[in-house]
C-alpha cells in the first residue's frame, strides 16, 4: 500500500476525523488517492473546485441523454416505489442536473417537486427541454427555500463531488420537516477501489477510462465514514438500502447484460441482509432521518 506519509500543517486534513496522517492507496494520472490512518476515510489529493458549476460545460450533448434518462430509469422507479407511492409531500432534488429524475418524480401528482442546480447548461436543459419550473440555479445554501418545508431531499451522485459537504448537509437538515429524510447515492469505495486496481493492473492508466476520478471526486465514502458525516450534521437512524442497478450506461443493454446485472443485484442484496449490513458491495444508497 506504500509508505505512510505524515502531512504537515499546509496539507489537507481528513474530512471525517481531522487527521493529518495519510497513506497513498492509488494513483491515477499522477494524482494520489489517500486513506486516513485514523478513520480510514478515502479522499483525493487534488485540490477540488468548491463550486463545480462547469460539470455540464456550456451545452449538454445529446450523448448524455440515454444514460441520465433511460439507463437510470429502473433505479428511479425503485426509489419511487419505496418512498413516493401512496404518500404525499414535497421533494427537493439537490444537484438536479438535467432534470430527468425530477421529471419522472413529477408524475407522482401527490408530490410537489423542486430542484437546485448550479450548472447553467443543466438548468437550461431542464427548463427549456423538459419544461420544469421549480428549479433554483444556485447553491443550496443560497436558494430561497423555507426551513422545515420538505419531506424528502435527494442527492444522486452529488455528495462525492462536494469538497466541504458539512454546510450542505446541515442546511438539508434545516430544510427538512421533522420525520423527513435525506436520501443520497454515492459510489462505494469498498468496491470502486478494487475495480480501479484491477483495471489498472490489466490495462494500465489510459486516457478516457474512469478509475476513481481523482480530479472531480474529492471524497470516496464507505458505510462507516458516511454514517459519521451524517450523524455529526444532526441526522439520526442512518440506514442503507439497495435499489436496482443502472442499465447499460454506455449504450442500450442486451438481454444478457440485464439478466447478469439482476443476478448480481440479488447476490449483493442477499449478502448485505445475511451480514446485517457489514458486507455491502453495492453503491451506497443512504437514508438519513431527521428526528420526528
C-alpha atoms as a PDB file:
ATOM      1  CA  UNK A   1       0.000   0.000   0.000  1.00  0.00           C
ATOM      2  CA  UNK A   2       3.023   2.277   0.068  1.00  0.00           C
ATOM      3  CA  UNK A   3       4.837   4.230   2.710  1.00  0.00           C
ATOM      4  CA  UNK A   4       2.806   6.112   5.298  1.00  0.00           C
ATOM      5  CA  UNK A   5       3.244   9.839   4.878  1.00  0.00           C
ATOM      6  CA  UNK A   6       2.676  12.426   7.564  1.00  0.00           C
ATOM      7  CA  UNK A   7       1.057  15.591   6.294  1.00  0.00           C
ATOM      8  CA  UNK A   8       2.270  18.905   7.661  1.00  0.00           C
ATOM      9  CA  UNK A   9       0.060  21.854   8.619  1.00  0.00           C
ATOM     10  CA  UNK A  10      -0.259  23.039   4.992  1.00  0.00           C
ATOM     11  CA  UNK A  11      -1.585  19.658   3.838  1.00  0.00           C
ATOM     12  CA  UNK A  12      -5.278  18.704   3.797  1.00  0.00           C
ATOM     13  CA  UNK A  13      -6.964  17.392   6.902  1.00  0.00           C
ATOM     14  CA  UNK A  14      -9.194  14.352   6.779  1.00  0.00           C
ATOM     15  CA  UNK A  15     -12.806  15.435   6.331  1.00  0.00           C
ATOM     16  CA  UNK A  16     -14.145  12.872   8.798  1.00  0.00           C
ATOM     17  CA  UNK A  17     -11.727  12.987  11.744  1.00  0.00           C
ATOM     18  CA  UNK A  18      -9.381  15.912  11.023  1.00  0.00           C
ATOM     19  CA  UNK A  19      -6.334  13.630  10.929  1.00  0.00           C
ATOM     20  CA  UNK A  20      -3.190  14.579   9.019  1.00  0.00           C
ATOM     21  CA  UNK A  21      -1.557  11.156   8.652  1.00  0.00           C
ATOM     22  CA  UNK A  22      -2.464   9.562   5.326  1.00  0.00           C
ATOM     23  CA  UNK A  23      -1.268   6.708   3.155  1.00  0.00           C
ATOM     24  CA  UNK A  24      -1.497   6.680  -0.675  1.00  0.00           C
ATOM     25  CA  UNK A  25      -3.560   3.724  -1.892  1.00  0.00           C
ATOM     26  CA  UNK A  26      -3.956   4.552  -5.588  1.00  0.00           C
ATOM     27  CA  UNK A  27      -2.527   6.901  -8.196  1.00  0.00           C
ATOM     28  CA  UNK A  28      -4.150   7.976 -11.434  1.00  0.00           C
ATOM     29  CA  UNK A  29      -2.578  10.414 -13.883  1.00  0.00           C
ATOM     30  CA  UNK A  30      -0.106  11.476 -11.189  1.00  0.00           C
ATOM     31  CA  UNK A  31      -2.758  12.242  -8.537  1.00  0.00           C
ATOM     32  CA  UNK A  32      -2.699  10.343  -5.243  1.00  0.00           C
ATOM     33  CA  UNK A  33      -5.794   8.871  -3.639  1.00  0.00           C
ATOM     34  CA  UNK A  34      -5.181   8.889   0.131  1.00  0.00           C
ATOM     35  CA  UNK A  35      -6.549   6.908   3.064  1.00  0.00           C
ATOM     36  CA  UNK A  36      -6.625   8.428   6.542  1.00  0.00           C
ATOM     37  CA  UNK A  37      -4.618   6.416   9.049  1.00  0.00           C
ATOM     38  CA  UNK A  38      -7.024   7.282  11.853  1.00  0.00           C
ATOM     39  CA  UNK A  39     -10.533   6.681  10.459  1.00  0.00           C
ATOM     40  CA  UNK A  40      -9.750   5.139   7.030  1.00  0.00           C
ATOM     41  CA  UNK A  41     -11.646   7.794   5.070  1.00  0.00           C
ATOM     42  CA  UNK A  42     -10.501   7.918   1.439  1.00  0.00           C
ATOM     43  CA  UNK A  43     -10.018  11.192  -0.427  1.00  0.00           C
ATOM     44  CA  UNK A  44      -8.181  12.758  -3.339  1.00  0.00           C
ATOM     45  CA  UNK A  45      -5.043  14.865  -3.016  1.00  0.00           C
ATOM     46  CA  UNK A  46      -6.267  17.020  -5.925  1.00  0.00           C
ATOM     47  CA  UNK A  47      -7.490  20.500  -4.865  1.00  0.00           C
ATOM     48  CA  UNK A  48     -11.150  20.250  -5.864  1.00  0.00           C
ATOM     49  CA  UNK A  49     -13.251  23.070  -7.279  1.00  0.00           C
ATOM     50  CA  UNK A  50     -15.579  24.029  -4.383  1.00  0.00           C
ATOM     51  CA  UNK A  51     -18.437  25.004  -6.732  1.00  0.00           C
ATOM     52  CA  UNK A  52     -18.105  22.668  -9.709  1.00  0.00           C
ATOM     53  CA  UNK A  53     -20.650  24.518 -11.820  1.00  0.00           C
ATOM     54  CA  UNK A  54     -18.868  23.669 -15.081  1.00  0.00           C
ATOM     55  CA  UNK A  55     -19.640  19.935 -14.985  1.00  0.00           C
ATOM     56  CA  UNK A  56     -22.010  20.138 -17.977  1.00  0.00           C
ATOM     57  CA  UNK A  57     -19.946  22.663 -19.924  1.00  0.00           C
ATOM     58  CA  UNK A  58     -21.766  25.271 -22.000  1.00  0.00           C
ATOM     59  CA  UNK A  59     -24.137  22.913 -23.806  1.00  0.00           C
ATOM     60  CA  UNK A  60     -25.432  19.445 -22.923  1.00  0.00           C
ATOM     61  CA  UNK A  61     -24.502  16.910 -25.646  1.00  0.00           C
ATOM     62  CA  UNK A  62     -27.148  14.504 -26.940  1.00  0.00           C
ATOM     63  CA  UNK A  63     -24.903  11.586 -25.949  1.00  0.00           C
ATOM     64  CA  UNK A  64     -25.704  12.256 -22.273  1.00  0.00           C
ATOM     65  CA  UNK A  65     -29.447  11.725 -22.636  1.00  0.00           C
ATOM     66  CA  UNK A  66     -29.543   7.919 -22.744  1.00  0.00           C
ATOM     67  CA  UNK A  67     -27.564   7.436 -19.540  1.00  0.00           C
ATOM     68  CA  UNK A  68     -29.367  10.064 -17.458  1.00  0.00           C
ATOM     69  CA  UNK A  69     -32.864   9.246 -18.697  1.00  0.00           C
ATOM     70  CA  UNK A  70     -33.136   5.619 -19.819  1.00  0.00           C
ATOM     71  CA  UNK A  71     -30.282   3.741 -18.133  1.00  0.00           C
ATOM     72  CA  UNK A  72     -31.110   5.156 -14.699  1.00  0.00           C
ATOM     73  CA  UNK A  73     -34.868   4.702 -15.019  1.00  0.00           C
ATOM     74  CA  UNK A  74     -35.086   1.302 -13.197  1.00  0.00           C
ATOM     75  CA  UNK A  75     -33.204   2.789 -10.234  1.00  0.00           C
ATOM     76  CA  UNK A  76     -35.505   5.810 -10.118  1.00  0.00           C
ATOM     77  CA  UNK A  77     -38.645   3.672 -10.382  1.00  0.00           C
ATOM     78  CA  UNK A  78     -37.433   1.538  -7.490  1.00  0.00           C
ATOM     79  CA  UNK A  79     -36.944   4.709  -5.451  1.00  0.00           C
ATOM     80  CA  UNK A  80     -40.463   5.940  -6.286  1.00  0.00           C
ATOM     81  CA  UNK A  81     -41.967   2.615  -5.267  1.00  0.00           C
ATOM     82  CA  UNK A  82     -40.206   2.729  -1.896  1.00  0.00           C
ATOM     83  CA  UNK A  83     -40.551   6.396  -0.988  1.00  0.00           C
ATOM     84  CA  UNK A  84     -43.269   8.158  -3.034  1.00  0.00           C
ATOM     85  CA  UNK A  85     -46.034   5.684  -3.913  1.00  0.00           C
ATOM     86  CA  UNK A  86     -49.177   6.100  -1.794  1.00  0.00           C
ATOM     87  CA  UNK A  87     -47.617   9.068   0.004  1.00  0.00           C
ATOM     88  CA  UNK A  88     -47.639  12.806  -0.490  1.00  0.00           C
ATOM     89  CA  UNK A  89     -45.386  15.714   0.318  1.00  0.00           C
ATOM     90  CA  UNK A  90     -42.603  17.905  -1.038  1.00  0.00           C
ATOM     91  CA  UNK A  91     -39.366  16.644  -2.561  1.00  0.00           C
ATOM     92  CA  UNK A  92     -36.181  18.615  -3.274  1.00  0.00           C
ATOM     93  CA  UNK A  93     -33.516  17.186  -5.583  1.00  0.00           C
ATOM     94  CA  UNK A  94     -30.232  18.866  -4.737  1.00  0.00           C
ATOM     95  CA  UNK A  95     -27.883  18.827  -7.737  1.00  0.00           C
ATOM     96  CA  UNK A  96     -30.807  18.088 -10.045  1.00  0.00           C
ATOM     97  CA  UNK A  97     -28.672  18.044 -13.200  1.00  0.00           C
ATOM     98  CA  UNK A  98     -30.611  17.672 -16.453  1.00  0.00           C
ATOM     99  CA  UNK A  99     -33.851  17.135 -14.537  1.00  0.00           C
ATOM    100  CA  UNK A 100     -34.772  13.615 -15.649  1.00  0.00           C
ATOM    101  CA  UNK A 101     -35.274  12.411 -12.063  1.00  0.00           C
ATOM    102  CA  UNK A 102     -37.458  15.427 -11.261  1.00  0.00           C
ATOM    103  CA  UNK A 103     -39.469  14.958 -14.445  1.00  0.00           C
ATOM    104  CA  UNK A 104     -40.203  11.353 -13.503  1.00  0.00           C
ATOM    105  CA  UNK A 105     -40.965  12.285  -9.878  1.00  0.00           C
ATOM    106  CA  UNK A 106     -43.422  14.967 -11.028  1.00  0.00           C
ATOM    107  CA  UNK A 107     -45.598  12.198 -12.497  1.00  0.00           C
ATOM    108  CA  UNK A 108     -46.487  11.368  -8.888  1.00  0.00           C
ATOM    109  CA  UNK A 109     -49.177  14.033  -8.607  1.00  0.00           C
ATOM    110  CA  UNK A 110     -49.393  13.929  -4.828  1.00  0.00           C
ATOM    111  CA  UNK A 111     -45.833  15.272  -4.619  1.00  0.00           C
ATOM    112  CA  UNK A 112     -44.554  18.801  -5.189  1.00  0.00           C
ATOM    113  CA  UNK A 113     -41.050  18.563  -6.671  1.00  0.00           C
ATOM    114  CA  UNK A 114     -38.283  21.160  -6.588  1.00  0.00           C
ATOM    115  CA  UNK A 115     -34.722  21.214  -7.857  1.00  0.00           C
ATOM    116  CA  UNK A 116     -31.500  23.038  -7.064  1.00  0.00           C
ATOM    117  CA  UNK A 117     -28.622  23.054  -9.575  1.00  0.00           C
ATOM    118  CA  UNK A 118     -25.560  25.283 -10.101  1.00  0.00           C
ATOM    119  CA  UNK A 119     -24.867  24.441 -13.763  1.00  0.00           C
ATOM    120  CA  UNK A 120     -26.416  26.998 -16.148  1.00  0.00           C
ATOM    121  CA  UNK A 121     -26.363  24.472 -19.017  1.00  0.00           C
ATOM    122  CA  UNK A 122     -28.171  21.813 -16.976  1.00  0.00           C
ATOM    123  CA  UNK A 123     -30.830  24.246 -15.708  1.00  0.00           C
ATOM    124  CA  UNK A 124     -31.384  25.496 -19.261  1.00  0.00           C
ATOM    125  CA  UNK A 125     -31.911  21.923 -20.445  1.00  0.00           C
ATOM    126  CA  UNK A 126     -34.282  21.053 -17.577  1.00  0.00           C
ATOM    127  CA  UNK A 127     -36.406  24.167 -18.055  1.00  0.00           C
ATOM    128  CA  UNK A 128     -36.415  24.504 -21.858  1.00  0.00           C
ATOM    129  CA  UNK A 129     -36.340  20.860 -22.933  1.00  0.00           C
ATOM    130  CA  UNK A 130     -38.200  19.165 -20.061  1.00  0.00           C
ATOM    131  CA  UNK A 131     -40.484  22.042 -19.091  1.00  0.00           C
ATOM    132  CA  UNK A 132     -39.566  22.033 -15.393  1.00  0.00           C
ATOM    133  CA  UNK A 133     -40.226  25.241 -13.477  1.00  0.00           C
ATOM    134  CA  UNK A 134     -39.312  24.727  -9.805  1.00  0.00           C
ATOM    135  CA  UNK A 135     -35.519  24.724 -10.206  1.00  0.00           C
ATOM    136  CA  UNK A 136     -33.235  27.224  -8.469  1.00  0.00           C
ATOM    137  CA  UNK A 137     -29.954  27.949 -10.275  1.00  0.00           C
ATOM    138  CA  UNK A 138     -27.852  28.473  -7.184  1.00  0.00           C
ATOM    139  CA  UNK A 139     -26.073  26.723  -4.356  1.00  0.00           C
ATOM    140  CA  UNK A 140     -28.449  25.020  -1.956  1.00  0.00           C
ATOM    141  CA  UNK A 141     -27.357  27.320   0.892  1.00  0.00           C
ATOM    142  CA  UNK A 142     -28.285  30.387  -1.202  1.00  0.00           C
ATOM    143  CA  UNK A 143     -31.635  29.121  -2.505  1.00  0.00           C
ATOM    144  CA  UNK A 144     -34.783  30.894  -1.333  1.00  0.00           C
ATOM    145  CA  UNK A 145     -36.279  27.876   0.384  1.00  0.00           C
ATOM    146  CA  UNK A 146     -38.081  27.882   3.763  1.00  0.00           C
ATOM    147  CA  UNK A 147     -36.949  25.734   6.700  1.00  0.00           C
ATOM    148  CA  UNK A 148     -38.963  22.686   7.794  1.00  0.00           C
ATOM    149  CA  UNK A 149     -40.530  22.535   4.330  1.00  0.00           C
ATOM    150  CA  UNK A 150     -39.503  19.272   2.623  1.00  0.00           C
ATOM    151  CA  UNK A 151     -40.361  15.667   3.355  1.00  0.00           C
ATOM    152  CA  UNK A 152     -37.521  14.243   1.223  1.00  0.00           C
ATOM    153  CA  UNK A 153     -34.270  15.725  -0.044  1.00  0.00           C
ATOM    154  CA  UNK A 154     -32.381  13.651  -2.627  1.00  0.00           C
ATOM    155  CA  UNK A 155     -28.810  13.848  -3.908  1.00  0.00           C
ATOM    156  CA  UNK A 156     -27.975  11.490  -6.763  1.00  0.00           C
ATOM    157  CA  UNK A 157     -24.188  11.189  -7.242  1.00  0.00           C
ATOM    158  CA  UNK A 158     -23.637  14.674  -5.848  1.00  0.00           C
ATOM    159  CA  UNK A 159     -22.138  14.457  -2.359  1.00  0.00           C
ATOM    160  CA  UNK A 160     -18.891  12.846  -3.560  1.00  0.00           C
ATOM    161  CA  UNK A 161     -18.274  15.939  -5.739  1.00  0.00           C
ATOM    162  CA  UNK A 162     -18.500  18.362  -2.801  1.00  0.00           C
ATOM    163  CA  UNK A 163     -15.191  19.163  -1.133  1.00  0.00           C
ATOM    164  CA  UNK A 164     -16.743  20.564   2.073  1.00  0.00           C
ATOM    165  CA  UNK A 165     -20.135  18.826   2.487  1.00  0.00           C
ATOM    166  CA  UNK A 166     -20.915  19.675   6.128  1.00  0.00           C
ATOM    167  CA  UNK A 167     -22.606  23.010   5.402  1.00  0.00           C
ATOM    168  CA  UNK A 168     -24.723  21.356   2.695  1.00  0.00           C
ATOM    169  CA  UNK A 169     -25.891  18.548   4.984  1.00  0.00           C
ATOM    170  CA  UNK A 170     -26.586  20.937   7.855  1.00  0.00           C
ATOM    171  CA  UNK A 171     -28.726  23.046   5.523  1.00  0.00           C
ATOM    172  CA  UNK A 172     -30.543  19.918   4.311  1.00  0.00           C
ATOM    173  CA  UNK A 173     -31.343  19.133   7.927  1.00  0.00           C
ATOM    174  CA  UNK A 174     -32.765  22.646   8.358  1.00  0.00           C
ATOM    175  CA  UNK A 175     -34.928  22.400   5.230  1.00  0.00           C
ATOM    176  CA  UNK A 176     -36.425  19.028   6.178  1.00  0.00           C
ATOM    177  CA  UNK A 177     -39.572  18.659   8.224  1.00  0.00           C
ATOM    178  CA  UNK A 178     -39.331  16.630  11.402  1.00  0.00           C
ATOM    179  CA  UNK A 179     -39.511  12.986  10.348  1.00  0.00           C
ATOM    180  CA  UNK A 180     -38.170  13.859   6.891  1.00  0.00           C
ATOM    181  CA  UNK A 181     -35.327  12.000   5.191  1.00  0.00           C
ATOM    182  CA  UNK A 182     -32.236  12.876   3.214  1.00  0.00           C
ATOM    183  CA  UNK A 183     -31.570  10.256   0.546  1.00  0.00           C
ATOM    184  CA  UNK A 184     -28.273  10.080  -1.322  1.00  0.00           C
ATOM    185  CA  UNK A 185     -26.468   7.829  -3.779  1.00  0.00           C
ATOM    186  CA  UNK A 186     -22.661   7.802  -3.906  1.00  0.00           C
ATOM    187  CA  UNK A 187     -20.098   5.255  -5.101  1.00  0.00           C
ATOM    188  CA  UNK A 188     -18.887   2.745  -2.521  1.00  0.00           C
ATOM    189  CA  UNK A 189     -15.101   2.969  -2.184  1.00  0.00           C
ATOM    190  CA  UNK A 190     -15.008  -0.589  -0.839  1.00  0.00           C
ATOM    191  CA  UNK A 191     -15.960  -1.711  -4.366  1.00  0.00           C
ATOM    192  CA  UNK A 192     -14.631   1.135  -6.501  1.00  0.00           C
ATOM    193  CA  UNK A 193     -11.039   0.846  -5.239  1.00  0.00           C
ATOM    194  CA  UNK A 194     -10.707  -2.827  -6.182  1.00  0.00           C
ATOM    195  CA  UNK A 195     -12.374  -2.191  -9.536  1.00  0.00           C
ATOM    196  CA  UNK A 196      -9.893   0.621 -10.243  1.00  0.00           C
ATOM    197  CA  UNK A 197      -6.938  -1.511  -9.151  1.00  0.00           C
ATOM    198  CA  UNK A 198      -7.970  -4.395 -11.409  1.00  0.00           C
ATOM    199  CA  UNK A 199      -8.487  -2.064 -14.358  1.00  0.00           C
ATOM    200  CA  UNK A 200      -5.061  -0.526 -13.779  1.00  0.00           C
ATOM    201  CA  UNK A 201      -3.457  -3.964 -13.415  1.00  0.00           C
ATOM    202  CA  UNK A 202      -4.839  -5.287 -16.704  1.00  0.00           C
ATOM    203  CA  UNK A 203      -4.939  -2.152 -18.843  1.00  0.00           C
ATOM    204  CA  UNK A 204      -2.720   0.407 -17.137  1.00  0.00           C
ATOM    205  CA  UNK A 205      -3.732   4.043 -16.876  1.00  0.00           C
ATOM    206  CA  UNK A 206      -5.313   5.108 -20.162  1.00  0.00           C
ATOM    207  CA  UNK A 207      -6.947   8.353 -21.244  1.00  0.00           C
ATOM    208  CA  UNK A 208     -10.714   8.138 -21.421  1.00  0.00           C
ATOM    209  CA  UNK A 209     -11.000   5.439 -18.744  1.00  0.00           C
ATOM    210  CA  UNK A 210     -12.698   6.008 -15.396  1.00  0.00           C
ATOM    211  CA  UNK A 211     -10.770   4.886 -12.336  1.00  0.00           C
ATOM    212  CA  UNK A 212     -11.510   6.892  -9.167  1.00  0.00           C
ATOM    213  CA  UNK A 213     -11.900  10.221 -10.998  1.00  0.00           C
ATOM    214  CA  UNK A 214      -9.422  11.947  -8.708  1.00  0.00           C
ATOM    215  CA  UNK A 215      -9.986  15.401 -10.195  1.00  0.00           C
ATOM    216  CA  UNK A 216     -13.728  15.608  -9.588  1.00  0.00           C
ATOM    217  CA  UNK A 217     -14.314  13.212  -6.682  1.00  0.00           C
ATOM    218  CA  UNK A 218     -12.674  14.816  -3.642  1.00  0.00           C
ATOM    219  CA  UNK A 219     -14.136  12.164  -1.311  1.00  0.00           C
ATOM    220  CA  UNK A 220     -14.742   8.419  -1.565  1.00  0.00           C
ATOM    221  CA  UNK A 221     -17.128   7.133   1.081  1.00  0.00           C
ATOM    222  CA  UNK A 222     -17.644   3.833   2.860  1.00  0.00           C
ATOM    223  CA  UNK A 223     -20.580   2.913   5.108  1.00  0.00           C
ATOM    224  CA  UNK A 224     -18.745   3.884   8.310  1.00  0.00           C
ATOM    225  CA  UNK A 225     -17.419   7.243   7.131  1.00  0.00           C
ATOM    226  CA  UNK A 226     -20.632   8.487   5.547  1.00  0.00           C
ATOM    227  CA  UNK A 227     -22.585   7.476   8.639  1.00  0.00           C
ATOM    228  CA  UNK A 228     -20.284   9.649  10.774  1.00  0.00           C
ATOM    229  CA  UNK A 229     -20.682  12.551   8.351  1.00  0.00           C
ATOM    230  CA  UNK A 230     -24.484  12.472   8.547  1.00  0.00           C
ATOM    231  CA  UNK A 231     -24.661  11.977  12.289  1.00  0.00           C
ATOM    232  CA  UNK A 232     -22.463  14.965  13.050  1.00  0.00           C
ATOM    233  CA  UNK A 233     -24.769  17.128  10.940  1.00  0.00           C
ATOM    234  CA  UNK A 234     -27.832  16.316  13.018  1.00  0.00           C
ATOM    235  CA  UNK A 235     -29.223  13.215  11.320  1.00  0.00           C
ATOM    236  CA  UNK A 236     -30.231  10.033  13.115  1.00  0.00           C
ATOM    237  CA  UNK A 237     -31.100   6.480  12.009  1.00  0.00           C
ATOM    238  CA  UNK A 238     -28.675   6.419   9.090  1.00  0.00           C
ATOM    239  CA  UNK A 239     -29.676   3.375   7.054  1.00  0.00           C
ATOM    240  CA  UNK A 240     -28.524   1.745   3.811  1.00  0.00           C
ATOM    241  CA  UNK A 241     -30.904   0.360   1.199  1.00  0.00           C
ATOM    242  CA  UNK A 242     -30.449  -1.236  -2.218  1.00  0.00           C
ATOM    243  CA  UNK A 243     -32.008  -0.024  -5.472  1.00  0.00           C
ATOM    244  CA  UNK A 244     -31.985  -1.647  -8.875  1.00  0.00           C
ATOM    245  CA  UNK A 245     -28.773  -1.049 -10.857  1.00  0.00           C
ATOM    246  CA  UNK A 246     -28.236   1.385 -13.707  1.00  0.00           C
ATOM    247  CA  UNK A 247     -28.694  -0.432 -17.024  1.00  0.00           C
ATOM    248  CA  UNK A 248     -26.261  -0.107 -19.924  1.00  0.00           C
ATOM    249  CA  UNK A 249     -24.581   3.208 -19.041  1.00  0.00           C
ATOM    250  CA  UNK A 250     -22.647   3.331 -22.328  1.00  0.00           C
ATOM    251  CA  UNK A 251     -25.338   2.013 -24.671  1.00  0.00           C
ATOM    252  CA  UNK A 252     -28.614   0.131 -24.964  1.00  0.00           C
ATOM    253  CA  UNK A 253     -28.319  -3.010 -22.800  1.00  0.00           C
ATOM    254  CA  UNK A 254     -28.633  -6.535 -24.133  1.00  0.00           C
ATOM    255  CA  UNK A 255     -30.939  -9.103 -22.563  1.00  0.00           C
ATOM    256  CA  UNK A 256     -27.861 -10.951 -21.276  1.00  0.00           C
ATOM    257  CA  UNK A 257     -26.391  -7.876 -19.575  1.00  0.00           C
ATOM    258  CA  UNK A 258     -29.743  -7.056 -17.963  1.00  0.00           C
ATOM    259  CA  UNK A 259     -30.029 -10.629 -16.622  1.00  0.00           C
ATOM    260  CA  UNK A 260     -26.428 -10.580 -15.370  1.00  0.00           C
ATOM    261  CA  UNK A 261     -26.963  -7.304 -13.523  1.00  0.00           C
ATOM    262  CA  UNK A 262     -30.175  -8.634 -11.998  1.00  0.00           C
ATOM    263  CA  UNK A 263     -28.377 -11.716 -10.635  1.00  0.00           C
ATOM    264  CA  UNK A 264     -25.507  -9.591  -9.275  1.00  0.00           C
ATOM    265  CA  UNK A 265     -28.001  -7.252  -7.614  1.00  0.00           C
ATOM    266  CA  UNK A 266     -29.748 -10.129  -5.831  1.00  0.00           C
ATOM    267  CA  UNK A 267     -26.415 -11.571  -4.662  1.00  0.00           C
ATOM    268  CA  UNK A 268     -25.254  -8.188  -3.332  1.00  0.00           C
ATOM    269  CA  UNK A 269     -28.562  -7.548  -1.589  1.00  0.00           C
ATOM    270  CA  UNK A 270     -28.567 -11.024  -0.035  1.00  0.00           C
ATOM    271  CA  UNK A 271     -25.014 -10.649   1.275  1.00  0.00           C
ATOM    272  CA  UNK A 272     -25.925  -7.347   2.894  1.00  0.00           C
ATOM    273  CA  UNK A 273     -29.014  -8.866   4.502  1.00  0.00           C
ATOM    274  CA  UNK A 274     -27.269 -12.002   5.768  1.00  0.00           C
ATOM    275  CA  UNK A 275     -24.361  -9.989   7.213  1.00  0.00           C
ATOM    276  CA  UNK A 276     -26.616  -7.365   8.824  1.00  0.00           C
ATOM    277  CA  UNK A 277     -25.135  -4.737   6.519  1.00  0.00           C
ATOM    278  CA  UNK A 278     -21.471  -5.493   7.210  1.00  0.00           C
ATOM    279  CA  UNK A 279     -20.923  -6.761   3.656  1.00  0.00           C
ATOM    280  CA  UNK A 280     -22.174  -4.010   1.379  1.00  0.00           C
ATOM    281  CA  UNK A 281     -20.851  -4.294  -2.185  1.00  0.00           C
ATOM    282  CA  UNK A 282     -23.486  -2.060  -3.714  1.00  0.00           C
ATOM    283  CA  UNK A 283     -23.374   1.651  -4.375  1.00  0.00           C
ATOM    284  CA  UNK A 284     -24.203   3.462  -1.149  1.00  0.00           C
ATOM    285  CA  UNK A 285     -27.890   4.365  -1.019  1.00  0.00           C
ATOM    286  CA  UNK A 286     -28.158   6.258   2.259  1.00  0.00           C
ATOM    287  CA  UNK A 287     -31.383   7.143   4.070  1.00  0.00           C
ATOM    288  CA  UNK A 288     -30.713   9.603   6.901  1.00  0.00           C
ATOM    289  CA  UNK A 289     -33.609  10.705   9.120  1.00  0.00           C
ATOM    290  CA  UNK A 290     -34.397  13.960  10.848  1.00  0.00           C
ATOM    291  CA  UNK A 291     -35.876  13.110  14.223  1.00  0.00           C
ATOM    292  CA  UNK A 292     -39.665  13.419  14.432  1.00  0.00           C
END
